[in-house]
């Protein structure tokens, strides 16, 4: 069950829905149609149903509107806490599956980008690099705090007309030194 939750959270469409709800306490299907406008209404219903079934979202309220019910959705819990809990308590296989899902999501997103009719890595500001750093644990913690402050600054910006949704992912791990 836990791995299924992580897969749900790493799905690009679900990620957009969850990110929207992390910034806005509630959302209707109509609100979310604007967030994930690239998918059909039927697909959005399937995503919402799955997110509710896997207890990532909950239905906050239902209002009758023209013979049907308009549901308002809310996050059931902070998904970052849930992933952190799974990683903290998981065994090697579960952690590997989470990381595998994360990497595969990156590959799928990049493949989708490359399959666009027109793409330009430079113009679109696409980048991927590795930076080997030799840091003490204290320096590493300090660097992460600074990155978090910087990311928060940009996550709190209100979207403008020319804004584009961008995915910024960081992977960090110790590696063995080469001789």
Protein backbone atom coordinates (compact mmCIF):
# COMPACT_ATOMS: atom_id res chain seq x y z
CA UNK A 1 0.00 0.00 0.00
CA UNK A 2 2.76 2.47 0.94
CA UNK A 3 4.57 2.05 -2.40
CA UNK A 4 1.27 2.63 -4.22
CA UNK A 5 0.90 5.96 -2.40
CA UNK A 6 4.39 7.02 -3.49
CA UNK A 7 3.62 6.06 -7.10
CA UNK A 8 0.42 8.11 -6.88
CA UNK A 9 2.33 11.10 -5.55
CA UNK A 10 5.03 10.87 -8.24
CA UNK A 11 2.55 10.73 -11.13
CA UNK A 12 2.97 14.08 -12.97
CA UNK A 13 -0.77 14.84 -13.10
CA UNK A 14 -1.28 13.89 -9.46
CA UNK A 15 1.78 15.95 -8.55
CA UNK A 16 0.16 19.05 -10.11
CA UNK A 17 -3.09 18.39 -8.23
CA UNK A 18 -1.30 17.86 -4.91
CA UNK A 19 0.94 20.92 -5.42
CA UNK A 20 -2.15 23.03 -6.11
CA UNK A 21 -3.81 21.76 -2.94
CA UNK A 22 -0.66 22.40 -0.91
CA UNK A 23 -0.96 26.05 -1.94
CA UNK A 24 -4.78 26.25 -1.81
CA UNK A 25 -6.58 24.54 1.02
CA UNK A 26 -9.54 23.38 -1.11
CA UNK A 27 -10.29 22.79 -4.78
CA UNK A 28 -13.25 21.80 -6.90
CA UNK A 29 -12.98 19.71 -10.05
CA UNK A 30 -13.43 22.96 -11.99
CA UNK A 31 -10.43 24.51 -10.19
CA UNK A 32 -8.33 21.45 -10.99
CA UNK A 33 -9.41 21.40 -14.65
CA UNK A 34 -7.38 24.59 -15.09
CA UNK A 35 -4.36 23.08 -13.30
CA UNK A 36 -4.30 19.95 -15.47
CA UNK A 37 -5.90 21.33 -18.63
CA UNK A 38 -3.90 18.93 -20.82
CA UNK A 39 -6.00 15.92 -19.74
CA UNK A 40 -9.65 15.09 -20.38
CA UNK A 41 -12.40 15.45 -17.77
CA UNK A 42 -12.70 11.66 -17.64
CA UNK A 43 -8.97 11.34 -16.88
CA UNK A 44 -9.25 14.00 -14.19
CA UNK A 45 -12.12 12.07 -12.58
CA UNK A 46 -9.97 8.90 -12.59
CA UNK A 47 -7.04 10.74 -10.99
CA UNK A 48 -9.27 12.27 -8.30
CA UNK A 49 -10.98 8.94 -7.60
CA UNK A 50 -7.58 7.23 -7.24
CA UNK A 51 -6.20 10.00 -5.00
CA UNK A 52 -9.26 9.70 -2.73
CA UNK A 53 -9.13 5.88 -2.77
CA UNK A 54 -5.45 5.96 -1.74
CA UNK A 55 -6.29 8.47 1.00
CA UNK A 56 -4.13 11.28 -0.37
CA UNK A 57 -7.18 13.50 -0.88
CA UNK A 58 -10.45 13.59 0.95
CA UNK A 59 -13.79 15.03 -0.04
CA UNK A 60 -14.24 18.12 2.09
CA UNK A 61 -17.79 18.94 1.02
CA UNK A 62 -20.50 18.20 -1.54
CA UNK A 63 -22.92 20.80 -2.87
CA UNK A 64 -25.86 19.95 -5.07
CA UNK A 65 -25.61 21.90 -8.28
CA UNK A 66 -28.05 21.41 -11.17
CA UNK A 67 -28.92 17.80 -10.33
CA UNK A 68 -25.35 16.73 -9.60
CA UNK A 69 -22.96 17.16 -6.71
CA UNK A 70 -19.95 19.45 -6.84
CA UNK A 71 -17.25 18.03 -4.60
CA UNK A 72 -14.60 20.08 -2.89
CA UNK A 73 -11.30 18.24 -2.35
CA UNK A 74 -8.70 18.71 0.34
CA UNK A 75 -5.38 17.01 1.14
CA UNK A 76 -5.76 14.33 3.77
CA UNK A 77 -2.17 14.89 4.98
CA UNK A 78 1.05 16.55 3.82
CA UNK A 79 2.39 14.16 1.17
CA UNK A 80 6.00 15.14 1.86
CA UNK A 81 5.56 13.86 5.41
CA UNK A 82 4.18 10.56 4.09
CA UNK A 83 7.09 9.98 1.70
CA UNK A 84 9.52 10.88 4.49
CA UNK A 85 7.81 8.39 6.82
CA UNK A 86 7.99 5.63 4.21
CA UNK A 87 11.69 6.32 3.58
CA UNK A 88 12.48 6.46 7.30
CA UNK A 89 10.67 3.21 8.09
CA UNK A 90 11.12 1.38 4.79
CA UNK A 91 13.30 -1.57 4.05
CA UNK A 92 15.89 -1.62 1.24
CA UNK A 93 13.42 -2.98 -1.31
CA UNK A 94 10.77 -0.34 -0.52
CA UNK A 95 13.33 2.47 -0.62
CA UNK A 96 14.72 1.16 -3.91
CA UNK A 97 11.19 1.03 -5.37
CA UNK A 98 10.55 4.63 -4.29
CA UNK A 99 13.80 5.80 -5.85
CA UNK A 100 13.14 3.74 -9.00
CA UNK A 101 9.71 5.35 -9.34
CA UNK A 102 11.25 8.79 -8.85
CA UNK A 103 13.90 8.17 -11.54
CA UNK A 104 11.38 6.63 -13.95
CA UNK A 105 9.13 9.67 -13.50
CA UNK A 106 12.10 11.86 -14.43
CA UNK A 107 12.74 9.74 -17.54
CA UNK A 108 9.08 9.80 -18.56
CA UNK A 109 8.90 13.59 -18.13
CA UNK A 110 12.09 14.04 -20.16
CA UNK A 111 10.88 11.65 -22.87
CA UNK A 112 7.58 13.56 -23.08
CA UNK A 113 9.55 16.80 -23.41
CA UNK A 114 11.72 15.36 -26.22
CA UNK A 115 8.63 14.05 -28.02
CA UNK A 116 7.15 17.53 -28.36
CA UNK A 117 6.95 18.80 -31.90
CA UNK A 118 9.26 21.70 -31.08
CA UNK A 119 11.73 21.58 -28.24
CA UNK A 120 14.82 23.65 -27.56
CA UNK A 121 16.81 22.78 -24.45
CA UNK A 122 18.55 26.16 -24.35
CA UNK A 123 15.45 28.25 -25.00
CA UNK A 124 13.34 26.14 -22.60
CA UNK A 125 16.05 26.37 -19.92
CA UNK A 126 16.31 22.57 -19.58
CA UNK A 127 19.29 21.44 -17.57
CA UNK A 128 20.73 18.39 -15.91
CA UNK A 129 24.09 18.24 -14.22
CA UNK A 130 25.92 16.54 -11.38
CA UNK A 131 28.11 18.47 -9.01
CA UNK A 132 30.41 16.30 -6.89
CA UNK A 133 30.95 18.18 -3.62
CA UNK A 134 33.31 17.32 -0.78
CA UNK A 135 31.55 18.63 2.34
CA UNK A 136 31.40 17.91 6.03
CA UNK A 137 27.99 16.87 7.39
CA UNK A 138 27.63 20.35 8.90
CA UNK A 139 28.42 22.05 5.57
CA UNK A 140 25.98 19.72 3.81
CA UNK A 141 23.17 20.53 6.26
CA UNK A 142 23.87 24.26 5.89
CA UNK A 143 23.82 24.00 2.08
CA UNK A 144 20.44 22.21 2.20
CA UNK A 145 19.01 24.92 4.46
CA UNK A 146 20.14 27.59 1.98
CA UNK A 147 18.65 25.66 -0.95
CA UNK A 148 15.35 25.28 0.95
CA UNK A 149 15.22 29.04 1.61
CA UNK A 150 15.91 29.79 -2.05
CA UNK A 151 13.31 27.29 -3.30
CA UNK A 152 10.68 28.60 -0.87
CA UNK A 153 11.23 32.12 -2.22
CA UNK A 154 10.39 30.96 -5.75
CA UNK A 155 7.63 28.55 -4.74
CA UNK A 156 5.81 31.45 -3.08
CA UNK A 157 5.73 33.57 -6.27
CA UNK A 158 2.36 34.15 -7.86
CA UNK A 159 2.28 32.82 -11.44
CA UNK A 160 2.38 35.45 -14.16
CA UNK A 161 0.96 35.23 -17.69
CA UNK A 162 4.31 34.09 -19.11
CA UNK A 163 5.07 31.66 -16.24
CA UNK A 164 5.70 28.01 -17.05
CA UNK A 165 5.35 25.12 -14.66
CA UNK A 166 8.83 23.66 -14.20
CA UNK A 167 9.90 20.58 -12.33
CA UNK A 168 13.04 21.01 -10.26
CA UNK A 169 14.39 17.76 -8.84
CA UNK A 170 17.41 17.13 -6.67
CA UNK A 171 19.09 13.83 -5.95
CA UNK A 172 21.87 13.67 -3.39
CA UNK A 173 23.85 10.72 -2.04
CA UNK A 174 27.34 9.92 -0.84
CA UNK A 175 29.51 8.12 -3.37
CA UNK A 176 32.69 6.14 -2.99
CA UNK A 177 35.82 8.06 -3.89
CA UNK A 178 37.65 6.83 -6.93
CA UNK A 179 41.27 5.87 -6.39
